[in-house]
PDB file of N, CA and C in Angstrom:
ATOM      1  N   MET A   1       0.857  -1.185   0.010  1.00  0.00           N
ATOM      2  CA  MET A   1      -0.001   0.007  -0.001  1.00  0.00           C
ATOM      3  C   MET A   1       0.886   1.224  -0.010  1.00  0.00           C
ATOM      4  N   LEU A   2       0.549   2.180  -0.847  1.00  0.00           N
ATOM      5  CA  LEU A   2       1.315   3.418  -0.906  1.00  0.00           C
ATOM      6  C   LEU A   2       0.846   4.355   0.179  1.00  0.00           C
ATOM      7  N   SER A   3       1.782   4.853   0.951  1.00  0.00           N
ATOM      8  CA  SER A   3       1.400   5.659   2.121  1.00  0.00           C
ATOM      9  C   SER A   3       0.620   6.923   1.765  1.00  0.00           C
ATOM     10  N   TRP A   4       0.949   7.593   0.672  1.00  0.00           N
ATOM     11  CA  TRP A   4       0.254   8.844   0.336  1.00  0.00           C
ATOM     12  C   TRP A   4      -1.106   8.584  -0.298  1.00  0.00           C
ATOM     13  N   ASP A   5      -1.436   7.355  -0.624  1.00  0.00           N
ATOM     14  CA  ASP A   5      -2.665   7.039  -1.290  1.00  0.00           C
ATOM     15  C   ASP A   5      -3.712   6.488  -0.322  1.00  0.00           C
ATOM     16  N   GLU A   6      -3.318   6.162   0.879  1.00  0.00           N
ATOM     17  CA  GLU A   6      -4.193   5.601   1.899  1.00  0.00           C
ATOM     18  C   GLU A   6      -4.940   4.376   1.421  1.00  0.00           C
ATOM     19  N   GLY A   7      -4.348   3.605   0.519  1.00  0.00           N
ATOM     20  CA  GLY A   7      -4.896   2.355   0.086  1.00  0.00           C
ATOM     21  C   GLY A   7      -5.932   2.409  -1.011  1.00  0.00           C
ATOM     22  N   LYS A   8      -6.377   3.557  -1.456  1.00  0.00           N
ATOM     23  CA  LYS A   8      -7.390   3.624  -2.504  1.00  0.00           C
ATOM     24  C   LYS A   8      -6.760   3.273  -3.833  1.00  0.00           C
ATOM     25  N   GLY A   9      -7.106   2.098  -4.328  1.00  0.00           N
ATOM     26  CA  GLY A   9      -6.624   1.678  -5.619  1.00  0.00           C
ATOM     27  C   GLY A   9      -5.141   1.329  -5.678  1.00  0.00           C
ATOM     28  N   ALA A  10      -4.494   1.252  -4.546  1.00  0.00           N
ATOM     29  CA  ALA A  10      -3.077   0.946  -4.545  1.00  0.00           C
ATOM     30  C   ALA A  10      -2.858  -0.529  -4.843  1.00  0.00           C
ATOM     31  N   VAL A  11      -1.947  -0.796  -5.726  1.00  0.00           N
ATOM     32  CA  VAL A  11      -1.565  -2.141  -6.071  1.00  0.00           C
ATOM     33  C   VAL A  11      -0.047  -2.188  -6.065  1.00  0.00           C
ATOM     34  N   SER A  12       0.541  -3.029  -5.225  1.00  0.00           N
ATOM     35  CA  SER A  12       1.990  -3.118  -5.179  1.00  0.00           C
ATOM     36  C   SER A  12       2.487  -4.000  -6.306  1.00  0.00           C
ATOM     37  N   ASN A  13       3.623  -3.664  -6.820  1.00  0.00           N
ATOM     38  CA  ASN A  13       4.288  -4.403  -7.890  1.00  0.00           C
ATOM     39  C   ASN A  13       3.421  -4.555  -9.134  1.00  0.00           C
ATOM     40  N   LEU A  14       2.619  -3.579  -9.459  1.00  0.00           N
ATOM     41  CA  LEU A  14       1.789  -3.594 -10.654  1.00  0.00           C
ATOM     42  C   LEU A  14       2.655  -3.397 -11.857  1.00  0.00           C
ATOM     43  N   ARG A  15       2.487  -4.253 -12.884  1.00  0.00           N
ATOM     44  CA  ARG A  15       3.261  -4.146 -14.136  1.00  0.00           C
ATOM     45  C   ARG A  15       2.356  -4.231 -15.317  1.00  0.00           C
ATOM     46  N   TYR A  16       2.588  -3.413 -16.322  1.00  0.00           N
ATOM     47  CA  TYR A  16       1.908  -3.482 -17.601  1.00  0.00           C
ATOM     48  C   TYR A  16       2.942  -3.805 -18.670  1.00  0.00           C
ATOM     49  N   VAL A  17       2.619  -4.771 -19.479  1.00  0.00           N
ATOM     50  CA  VAL A  17       3.508  -5.134 -20.590  1.00  0.00           C
ATOM     51  C   VAL A  17       2.816  -4.730 -21.882  1.00  0.00           C
ATOM     52  N   PHE A  18       3.439  -3.854 -22.644  1.00  0.00           N
ATOM     53  CA  PHE A  18       2.923  -3.433 -23.954  1.00  0.00           C
ATOM     54  C   PHE A  18       3.567  -4.384 -24.962  1.00  0.00           C
ATOM     55  N   GLN A  19       2.870  -5.422 -25.357  1.00  0.00           N
ATOM     56  CA  GLN A  19       3.412  -6.434 -26.223  1.00  0.00           C
ATOM     57  C   GLN A  19       3.089  -6.102 -27.675  1.00  0.00           C
ATOM     58  N   GLY A  20       4.072  -6.121 -28.518  1.00  0.00           N
ATOM     59  CA  GLY A  20       3.881  -5.853 -29.951  1.00  0.00           C
ATOM     60  C   GLY A  20       4.654  -4.651 -30.377  1.00  0.00           C
ATOM     61  N   SER A  21       4.570  -4.354 -31.637  1.00  0.00           N
ATOM     62  CA  SER A  21       5.236  -3.194 -32.198  1.00  0.00           C
ATOM     63  C   SER A  21       4.177  -2.228 -32.738  1.00  0.00           C
ATOM     64  N   TYR A  22       4.229  -1.011 -32.286  1.00  0.00           N
ATOM     65  CA  TYR A  22       3.244  -0.015 -32.655  1.00  0.00           C
ATOM     66  C   TYR A  22       3.894   1.065 -33.476  1.00  0.00           C
ATOM     67  N   THR A  23       3.283   1.409 -34.573  1.00  0.00           N
ATOM     68  CA  THR A  23       3.852   2.449 -35.444  1.00  0.00           C
ATOM     69  C   THR A  23       3.530   3.848 -34.935  1.00  0.00           C
ATOM     70  N   GLY A  24       2.503   3.999 -34.146  1.00  0.00           N
ATOM     71  CA  GLY A  24       2.132   5.296 -33.633  1.00  0.00           C
ATOM     72  C   GLY A  24       2.344   5.413 -32.142  1.00  0.00           C
ATOM     73  N   ASP A  25       1.860   6.470 -31.575  1.00  0.00           N
ATOM     74  CA  ASP A  25       1.977   6.685 -30.137  1.00  0.00           C
ATOM     75  C   ASP A  25       1.038   5.769 -29.366  1.00  0.00           C
ATOM     76  N   VAL A  26       1.432   5.387 -28.184  1.00  0.00           N
ATOM     77  CA  VAL A  26       0.602   4.624 -27.263  1.00  0.00           C
ATOM     78  C   VAL A  26       0.213   5.568 -26.143  1.00  0.00           C
ATOM     79  N   THR A  27      -1.072   5.698 -25.874  1.00  0.00           N
ATOM     80  CA  THR A  27      -1.535   6.602 -24.827  1.00  0.00           C
ATOM     81  C   THR A  27      -2.232   5.814 -23.725  1.00  0.00           C
ATOM     82  N   PHE A  28      -2.211   6.367 -22.576  1.00  0.00           N
ATOM     83  CA  PHE A  28      -2.910   5.757 -21.432  1.00  0.00           C
ATOM     84  C   PHE A  28      -3.289   6.896 -20.481  1.00  0.00           C
ATOM     85  N   PRO A  29      -4.269   6.651 -19.596  1.00  0.00           N
ATOM     86  CA  PRO A  29      -4.671   7.695 -18.685  1.00  0.00           C
ATOM     87  C   PRO A  29      -3.589   7.905 -17.599  1.00  0.00           C
ATOM     88  N   TYR A  30      -2.997   9.075 -17.609  1.00  0.00           N
ATOM     89  CA  TYR A  30      -1.853   9.333 -16.751  1.00  0.00           C
ATOM     90  C   TYR A  30      -2.153   9.214 -15.281  1.00  0.00           C
ATOM     91  N   LEU A  31      -3.196   9.876 -14.775  1.00  0.00           N
ATOM     92  CA  LEU A  31      -3.413   9.923 -13.325  1.00  0.00           C
ATOM     93  C   LEU A  31      -3.600   8.549 -12.672  1.00  0.00           C
ATOM     94  N   PRO A  32      -4.422   7.619 -13.245  1.00  0.00           N
ATOM     95  CA  PRO A  32      -4.479   6.285 -12.640  1.00  0.00           C
ATOM     96  C   PRO A  32      -3.129   5.560 -12.636  1.00  0.00           C
ATOM     97  N   PHE A  33      -2.348   5.740 -13.701  1.00  0.00           N
ATOM     98  CA  PHE A  33      -1.021   5.156 -13.713  1.00  0.00           C
ATOM     99  C   PHE A  33      -0.119   5.753 -12.648  1.00  0.00           C
ATOM    100  N   PHE A  34      -0.145   7.060 -12.576  1.00  0.00           N
ATOM    101  CA  PHE A  34       0.685   7.778 -11.602  1.00  0.00           C
ATOM    102  C   PHE A  34       0.365   7.340 -10.183  1.00  0.00           C
ATOM    103  N   ARG A  35      -0.902   7.235  -9.882  1.00  0.00           N
ATOM    104  CA  ARG A  35      -1.316   6.890  -8.526  1.00  0.00           C
ATOM    105  C   ARG A  35      -0.894   5.472  -8.133  1.00  0.00           C
ATOM    106  N   ARG A  36      -0.876   4.560  -9.093  1.00  0.00           N
ATOM    107  CA  ARG A  36      -0.556   3.169  -8.761  1.00  0.00           C
ATOM    108  C   ARG A  36       0.936   2.853  -8.893  1.00  0.00           C
ATOM    109  N   GLU A  37       1.680   3.763  -9.464  1.00  0.00           N
ATOM    110  CA  GLU A  37       3.130   3.592  -9.642  1.00  0.00           C
ATOM    111  C   GLU A  37       3.484   2.258 -10.320  1.00  0.00           C
ATOM    112  N   PRO A  38       2.893   1.971 -11.460  1.00  0.00           N
ATOM    113  CA  PRO A  38       3.258   0.681 -12.090  1.00  0.00           C
ATOM    114  C   PRO A  38       4.571   0.748 -12.818  1.00  0.00           C
ATOM    115  N   THR A  39       5.098  -0.404 -13.111  1.00  0.00           N
ATOM    116  CA  THR A  39       6.260  -0.536 -13.971  1.00  0.00           C
ATOM    117  C   THR A  39       5.708  -0.804 -15.378  1.00  0.00           C
ATOM    118  N   LEU A  40       6.170  -0.050 -16.362  1.00  0.00           N
ATOM    119  CA  LEU A  40       5.759  -0.243 -17.731  1.00  0.00           C
ATOM    120  C   LEU A  40       6.884  -0.943 -18.485  1.00  0.00           C
ATOM    121  N   LEU A  41       6.585  -2.074 -19.103  1.00  0.00           N
ATOM    122  CA  LEU A  41       7.582  -2.832 -19.854  1.00  0.00           C
ATOM    123  C   LEU A  41       7.236  -2.729 -21.352  1.00  0.00           C
ATOM    124  N   LEU A  42       8.226  -2.302 -22.122  1.00  0.00           N
ATOM    125  CA  LEU A  42       8.046  -2.130 -23.560  1.00  0.00           C
ATOM    126  C   LEU A  42       9.108  -2.965 -24.301  1.00  0.00           C
ATOM    127  N   PRO A  43       8.915  -4.269 -24.391  1.00  0.00           N
ATOM    128  CA  PRO A  43       9.927  -5.114 -25.051  1.00  0.00           C
ATOM    129  C   PRO A  43       9.969  -4.859 -26.556  1.00  0.00           C
ATOM    130  N   ARG A  44      11.150  -4.989 -27.119  1.00  0.00           N
ATOM    131  CA  ARG A  44      11.289  -4.861 -28.561  1.00  0.00           C
ATOM    132  C   ARG A  44      10.803  -6.143 -29.214  1.00  0.00           C
ATOM    133  N   SER A  45      10.272  -6.038 -30.424  1.00  0.00           N
ATOM    134  CA  SER A  45       9.761  -7.211 -31.067  1.00  0.00           C
ATOM    135  C   SER A  45      10.887  -8.112 -31.603  1.00  0.00           C
ATOM    136  N   ASP A  46      11.976  -7.514 -32.021  1.00  0.00           N
ATOM    137  CA  ASP A  46      13.081  -8.313 -32.470  1.00  0.00           C
ATOM    138  C   ASP A  46      14.327  -7.433 -32.640  1.00  0.00           C
ATOM    139  N   GLN A  47      15.428  -8.087 -32.828  1.00  0.00           N
ATOM    140  CA  GLN A  47      16.681  -7.428 -33.113  1.00  0.00           C
ATOM    141  C   GLN A  47      17.244  -8.047 -34.367  1.00  0.00           C
ATOM    142  N   PRO A  48      18.132  -7.409 -35.103  1.00  0.00           N
ATOM    143  CA  PRO A  48      18.688  -7.995 -36.331  1.00  0.00           C
ATOM    144  C   PRO A  48      19.243  -9.384 -36.103  1.00  0.00           C
ATOM    145  N   ALA A  49      19.890  -9.643 -35.004  1.00  0.00           N
ATOM    146  CA  ALA A  49      20.457 -10.959 -34.726  1.00  0.00           C
ATOM    147  C   ALA A  49      19.339 -12.018 -34.647  1.00  0.00           C
ATOM    148  N   ASP A  50      18.164 -11.631 -34.110  1.00  0.00           N
ATOM    149  CA  ASP A  50      17.046 -12.575 -34.050  1.00  0.00           C
ATOM    150  C   ASP A  50      16.607 -13.018 -35.444  1.00  0.00           C
ATOM    151  N   SER A  51      16.509 -12.030 -36.329  1.00  0.00           N
ATOM    152  CA  SER A  51      16.105 -12.360 -37.708  1.00  0.00           C
ATOM    153  C   SER A  51      17.125 -13.227 -38.396  1.00  0.00           C
ATOM    154  N   ARG A  52      18.427 -12.941 -38.208  1.00  0.00           N
ATOM    155  CA  ARG A  52      19.477 -13.783 -38.809  1.00  0.00           C
ATOM    156  C   ARG A  52      19.406 -15.193 -38.271  1.00  0.00           C
ATOM    157  N   THR A  53      19.178 -15.340 -36.978  1.00  0.00           N
ATOM    158  CA  THR A  53      19.114 -16.676 -36.348  1.00  0.00           C
ATOM    159  C   THR A  53      17.950 -17.458 -36.895  1.00  0.00           C
ATOM    160  N   VAL A  54      16.783 -16.836 -37.019  1.00  0.00           N
ATOM    161  CA  VAL A  54      15.592 -17.539 -37.535  1.00  0.00           C
ATOM    162  C   VAL A  54      15.842 -17.943 -38.998  1.00  0.00           C
ATOM    163  N   LEU A  55      16.382 -17.073 -39.807  1.00  0.00           N
ATOM    164  CA  LEU A  55      16.644 -17.393 -41.218  1.00  0.00           C
ATOM    165  C   LEU A  55      17.666 -18.534 -41.311  1.00  0.00           C
ATOM    166  N   ASP A  56      18.678 -18.532 -40.448  1.00  0.00           N
ATOM    167  CA  ASP A  56      19.655 -19.614 -40.462  1.00  0.00           C
ATOM    168  C   ASP A  56      18.987 -20.950 -40.053  1.00  0.00           C
ATOM    169  N   LEU A  57      18.160 -20.951 -39.022  1.00  0.00           N
ATOM    170  CA  LEU A  57      17.466 -22.165 -38.590  1.00  0.00           C
ATOM    171  C   LEU A  57      16.527 -22.684 -39.703  1.00  0.00           C
ATOM    172  N   LEU A  58      15.873 -21.802 -40.395  1.00  0.00           N
ATOM    173  CA  LEU A  58      15.009 -22.201 -41.516  1.00  0.00           C
ATOM    174  C   LEU A  58      15.832 -22.812 -42.628  1.00  0.00           C
ATOM    175  N   ALA A  59      16.965 -22.156 -42.981  1.00  0.00           N
ATOM    176  CA  ALA A  59      17.811 -22.634 -44.075  1.00  0.00           C
ATOM    177  C   ALA A  59      18.375 -24.024 -43.777  1.00  0.00           C
ATOM    178  N   ARG A  60      18.691 -24.295 -42.517  1.00  0.00           N
ATOM    179  CA  ARG A  60      19.249 -25.591 -42.133  1.00  0.00           C
ATOM    180  C   ARG A  60      18.209 -26.635 -41.859  1.00  0.00           C
ATOM    181  N   GLY A  61      16.930 -26.276 -41.951  1.00  0.00           N
ATOM    182  CA  GLY A  61      15.872 -27.235 -41.736  1.00  0.00           C
ATOM    183  C   GLY A  61      15.604 -27.547 -40.300  1.00  0.00           C
ATOM    184  N   VAL A  62      16.187 -26.775 -39.385  1.00  0.00           N
ATOM    185  CA  VAL A  62      15.993 -26.990 -37.950  1.00  0.00           C
ATOM    186  C   VAL A  62      14.617 -26.447 -37.514  1.00  0.00           C
ATOM    187  N   LEU A  63      14.191 -25.410 -38.149  1.00  0.00           N
ATOM    188  CA  LEU A  63      12.919 -24.755 -37.874  1.00  0.00           C
ATOM    189  C   LEU A  63      12.043 -24.861 -39.104  1.00  0.00           C
ATOM    190  N   SER A  64      10.791 -25.191 -38.909  1.00  0.00           N
ATOM    191  CA  SER A  64       9.846 -25.331 -40.021  1.00  0.00           C
ATOM    192  C   SER A  64       8.644 -24.401 -39.834  1.00  0.00           C
ATOM    193  N   LEU A  65       8.175 -23.883 -40.897  1.00  0.00           N
ATOM    194  CA  LEU A  65       6.992 -23.021 -40.852  1.00  0.00           C
ATOM    195  C   LEU A  65       5.736 -23.752 -41.361  1.00  0.00           C
ATOM    196  N   ASP A  66       5.849 -25.074 -41.499  1.00  0.00           N
ATOM    197  CA  ASP A  66       4.706 -25.868 -41.910  1.00  0.00           C
ATOM    198  C   ASP A  66       3.574 -25.659 -40.890  1.00  0.00           C
ATOM    199  N   GLY A  67       2.408 -25.379 -41.397  1.00  0.00           N
ATOM    200  CA  GLY A  67       1.274 -25.138 -40.515  1.00  0.00           C
ATOM    201  C   GLY A  67       1.160 -23.714 -40.019  1.00  0.00           C
ATOM    202  N   VAL A  68       2.227 -22.913 -40.228  1.00  0.00           N
ATOM    203  CA  VAL A  68       2.215 -21.511 -39.832  1.00  0.00           C
ATOM    204  C   VAL A  68       1.917 -20.633 -41.010  1.00  0.00           C
ATOM    205  N   VAL A  69       2.577 -20.915 -42.130  1.00  0.00           N
ATOM    206  CA  VAL A  69       2.418 -20.120 -43.334  1.00  0.00           C
ATOM    207  C   VAL A  69       1.380 -20.817 -44.213  1.00  0.00           C
ATOM    208  N   GLY A  70       0.301 -20.102 -44.516  1.00  0.00           N
ATOM    209  CA  GLY A  70      -0.777 -20.699 -45.302  1.00  0.00           C
ATOM    210  C   GLY A  70      -0.458 -20.849 -46.782  1.00  0.00           C
ATOM    211  N   GLU A  71       0.341 -19.932 -47.337  1.00  0.00           N
ATOM    212  CA  GLU A  71       0.646 -19.992 -48.735  1.00  0.00           C
ATOM    213  C   GLU A  71       1.996 -19.331 -48.993  1.00  0.00           C
ATOM    214  N   VAL A  72       2.791 -19.902 -49.867  1.00  0.00           N
ATOM    215  CA  VAL A  72       4.057 -19.324 -50.309  1.00  0.00           C
ATOM    216  C   VAL A  72       3.859 -18.945 -51.787  1.00  0.00           C
ATOM    217  N   ALA A  73       4.057 -17.683 -52.064  1.00  0.00           N
ATOM    218  CA  ALA A  73       3.770 -17.170 -53.428  1.00  0.00           C
ATOM    219  C   ALA A  73       4.993 -16.436 -53.966  1.00  0.00           C
ATOM    220  N   ALA A  74       5.029 -16.321 -55.275  1.00  0.00           N
ATOM    221  CA  ALA A  74       6.061 -15.520 -55.935  1.00  0.00           C
ATOM    222  C   ALA A  74       5.808 -14.041 -55.669  1.00  0.00           C
ATOM    223  N   PRO A  75       6.821 -13.230 -55.590  1.00  0.00           N
ATOM    224  CA  PRO A  75       6.643 -11.818 -55.313  1.00  0.00           C
ATOM    225  C   PRO A  75       5.714 -11.120 -56.320  1.00  0.00           C
ATOM    226  N   GLU A  76       5.691 -11.626 -57.531  1.00  0.00           N
ATOM    227  CA  GLU A  76       4.825 -11.046 -58.567  1.00  0.00           C
ATOM    228  C   GLU A  76       3.362 -11.175 -58.225  1.00  0.00           C
ATOM    229  N   LYS A  77       3.018 -12.096 -57.327  1.00  0.00           N
ATOM    230  CA  LYS A  77       1.655 -12.325 -56.900  1.00  0.00           C
ATOM    231  C   LYS A  77       1.284 -11.511 -55.663  1.00  0.00           C
ATOM    232  N   ALA A  78       2.150 -10.628 -55.229  1.00  0.00           N
ATOM    233  CA  ALA A  78       1.962  -9.870 -53.984  1.00  0.00           C
ATOM    234  C   ALA A  78       0.636  -9.112 -53.936  1.00  0.00           C
ATOM    235  N   ALA A  79       0.280  -8.444 -54.998  1.00  0.00           N
ATOM    236  CA  ALA A  79      -0.959  -7.667 -55.002  1.00  0.00           C
ATOM    237  C   ALA A  79      -2.172  -8.572 -54.738  1.00  0.00           C
ATOM    238  N   ASP A  80      -2.214  -9.723 -55.384  1.00  0.00           N
ATOM    239  CA  ASP A  80      -3.336 -10.650 -55.173  1.00  0.00           C
ATOM    240  C   ASP A  80      -3.313 -11.225 -53.755  1.00  0.00           C
ATOM    241  N   VAL A  81      -2.115 -11.580 -53.269  1.00  0.00           N
ATOM    242  CA  VAL A  81      -2.015 -12.139 -51.908  1.00  0.00           C
ATOM    243  C   VAL A  81      -2.489 -11.111 -50.888  1.00  0.00           C
ATOM    244  N   TYR A  82      -2.045  -9.856 -51.009  1.00  0.00           N
ATOM    245  CA  TYR A  82      -2.473  -8.824 -50.057  1.00  0.00           C
ATOM    246  C   TYR A  82      -3.965  -8.511 -50.180  1.00  0.00           C
ATOM    247  N   ARG A  83      -4.499  -8.591 -51.381  1.00  0.00           N
ATOM    248  CA  ARG A  83      -5.930  -8.381 -51.556  1.00  0.00           C
ATOM    249  C   ARG A  83      -6.725  -9.484 -50.834  1.00  0.00           C
ATOM    250  N   ARG A  84      -6.248 -10.736 -50.974  1.00  0.00           N
ATOM    251  CA  ARG A  84      -6.920 -11.862 -50.311  1.00  0.00           C
ATOM    252  C   ARG A  84      -6.799 -11.777 -48.806  1.00  0.00           C
ATOM    253  N   LEU A  85      -5.645 -11.409 -48.303  1.00  0.00           N
ATOM    254  CA  LEU A  85      -5.450 -11.250 -46.877  1.00  0.00           C
ATOM    255  C   LEU A  85      -6.353 -10.164 -46.315  1.00  0.00           C
ATOM    256  N   GLY A  86      -6.445  -9.069 -47.034  1.00  0.00           N
ATOM    257  CA  GLY A  86      -7.282  -7.935 -46.601  1.00  0.00           C
ATOM    258  C   GLY A  86      -8.764  -8.203 -46.681  1.00  0.00           C
ATOM    259  N   ALA A  87      -9.177  -9.049 -47.630  1.00  0.00           N
ATOM    260  CA  ALA A  87     -10.621  -9.327 -47.822  1.00  0.00           C
ATOM    261  C   ALA A  87     -11.186 -10.145 -46.658  1.00  0.00           C
ATOM    262  N   ARG A  88     -10.385 -10.950 -46.057  1.00  0.00           N
ATOM    263  CA  ARG A  88     -10.825 -11.765 -44.934  1.00  0.00           C
ATOM    264  C   ARG A  88     -11.988 -12.719 -45.264  1.00  0.00           C
ATOM    265  N   ASP A  89     -12.228 -12.911 -46.532  1.00  0.00           N
ATOM    266  CA  ASP A  89     -13.314 -13.832 -46.913  1.00  0.00           C
ATOM    267  C   ASP A  89     -12.758 -15.119 -47.527  1.00  0.00           C
ATOM    268  N   THR A  90     -11.485 -15.362 -47.283  1.00  0.00           N
ATOM    269  CA  THR A  90     -10.864 -16.574 -47.802  1.00  0.00           C
ATOM    270  C   THR A  90     -10.273 -17.375 -46.618  1.00  0.00           C
ATOM    271  N   ASP A  91      -9.780 -18.522 -46.923  1.00  0.00           N
ATOM    272  CA  ASP A  91      -9.121 -19.339 -45.906  1.00  0.00           C
ATOM    273  C   ASP A  91      -7.680 -18.899 -45.659  1.00  0.00           C
ATOM    274  N   LEU A  92      -7.203 -17.950 -46.445  1.00  0.00           N
ATOM    275  CA  LEU A  92      -5.827 -17.495 -46.313  1.00  0.00           C
ATOM    276  C   LEU A  92      -5.687 -16.576 -45.097  1.00  0.00           C
ATOM    277  N   ILE A  93      -4.857 -16.986 -44.152  1.00  0.00           N
ATOM    278  CA  ILE A  93      -4.619 -16.199 -42.931  1.00  0.00           C
ATOM    279  C   ILE A  93      -3.229 -15.648 -42.892  1.00  0.00           C
ATOM    280  N   THR A  94      -2.272 -16.456 -43.388  1.00  0.00           N
ATOM    281  CA  THR A  94      -0.865 -16.020 -43.433  1.00  0.00           C
ATOM    282  C   THR A  94      -0.265 -16.342 -44.792  1.00  0.00           C
ATOM    283  N   ALA A  95       0.759 -15.604 -45.184  1.00  0.00           N
ATOM    284  CA  ALA A  95       1.410 -15.862 -46.459  1.00  0.00           C
ATOM    285  C   ALA A  95       2.871 -15.417 -46.351  1.00  0.00           C
ATOM    286  N   ALA A  96       3.671 -15.998 -47.236  1.00  0.00           N
ATOM    287  CA  ALA A  96       5.088 -15.619 -47.350  1.00  0.00           C
ATOM    288  C   ALA A  96       5.397 -15.541 -48.841  1.00  0.00           C
ATOM    289  N   PHE A  97       6.518 -14.900 -49.160  1.00  0.00           N
ATOM    290  CA  PHE A  97       6.917 -14.775 -50.556  1.00  0.00           C
ATOM    291  C   PHE A  97       8.218 -15.539 -50.785  1.00  0.00           C
ATOM    292  N   ARG A  98       8.305 -16.231 -51.914  1.00  0.00           N
ATOM    293  CA  ARG A  98       9.501 -16.978 -52.297  1.00  0.00           C
ATOM    294  C   ARG A  98      10.400 -16.035 -53.115  1.00  0.00           C
ATOM    295  N   TRP A  99      11.402 -15.493 -52.447  1.00  0.00           N
ATOM    296  CA  TRP A  99      12.259 -14.504 -53.080  1.00  0.00           C
ATOM    297  C   TRP A  99      13.368 -15.119 -53.904  1.00  0.00           C
ATOM    298  N   ARG A 100      13.695 -16.396 -53.640  1.00  0.00           N
ATOM    299  CA  ARG A 100      14.729 -17.066 -54.407  1.00  0.00           C
ATOM    300  C   ARG A 100      14.112 -18.195 -55.200  1.00  0.00           C
ATOM    301  N   ALA A 101      14.498 -18.308 -56.451  1.00  0.00           N
ATOM    302  CA  ALA A 101      13.961 -19.343 -57.329  1.00  0.00           C
ATOM    303  C   ALA A 101      14.320 -20.746 -56.849  1.00  0.00           C
ATOM    304  N   ASP A 102      15.467 -20.899 -56.134  1.00  0.00           N
ATOM    305  CA  ASP A 102      15.907 -22.221 -55.696  1.00  0.00           C
ATOM    306  C   ASP A 102      15.307 -22.612 -54.348  1.00  0.00           C
ATOM    307  N   ALA A 103      14.436 -21.759 -53.785  1.00  0.00           N
ATOM    308  CA  ALA A 103      13.878 -22.092 -52.463  1.00  0.00           C
ATOM    309  C   ALA A 103      12.826 -23.152 -52.619  1.00  0.00           C
ATOM    310  N   GLU A 104      12.731 -24.045 -51.617  1.00  0.00           N
ATOM    311  CA  GLU A 104      11.746 -25.120 -51.666  1.00  0.00           C
ATOM    312  C   GLU A 104      10.361 -24.596 -51.289  1.00  0.00           C
ATOM    313  N   ARG A 105       9.376 -25.380 -51.665  1.00  0.00           N
ATOM    314  CA  ARG A 105       7.960 -25.134 -51.374  1.00  0.00           C
ATOM    315  C   ARG A 105       7.469 -23.967 -52.121  1.00  0.00           C
TER     316      ARG A 105
END
C-alpha cells in the first residue's frame, strides 16, 4: 500500500507489458497510472540478430513453418495475396513470398 494514497486503488508491484510493435503513439490515462506507480515494460519485437538466427534455422531445416504459413507465393503475386489477406473472406490467414527461385515449397 502506498502511504500517500491511503490504500485507495493501490496495487503493489503492478506491471503493464505493452506487447507488440506499434507504429504510432501509445496513450494511457496518466493519473491512474501515476497513482498506482506501475512498472511499464516495452519489449522490442526483435533485433537484427534474431532475424538472422531464424533465417539460419530455416535454411538448415531446424525450424519449419509448416502449418504456420498458409501460402508461399512468388513476389509477382503480392498484389493478389495482399488483396486476399485484406478481404478476410478466404481461408488465407498467413502468407510468405518466395524471393529465391531455388527455395523449396
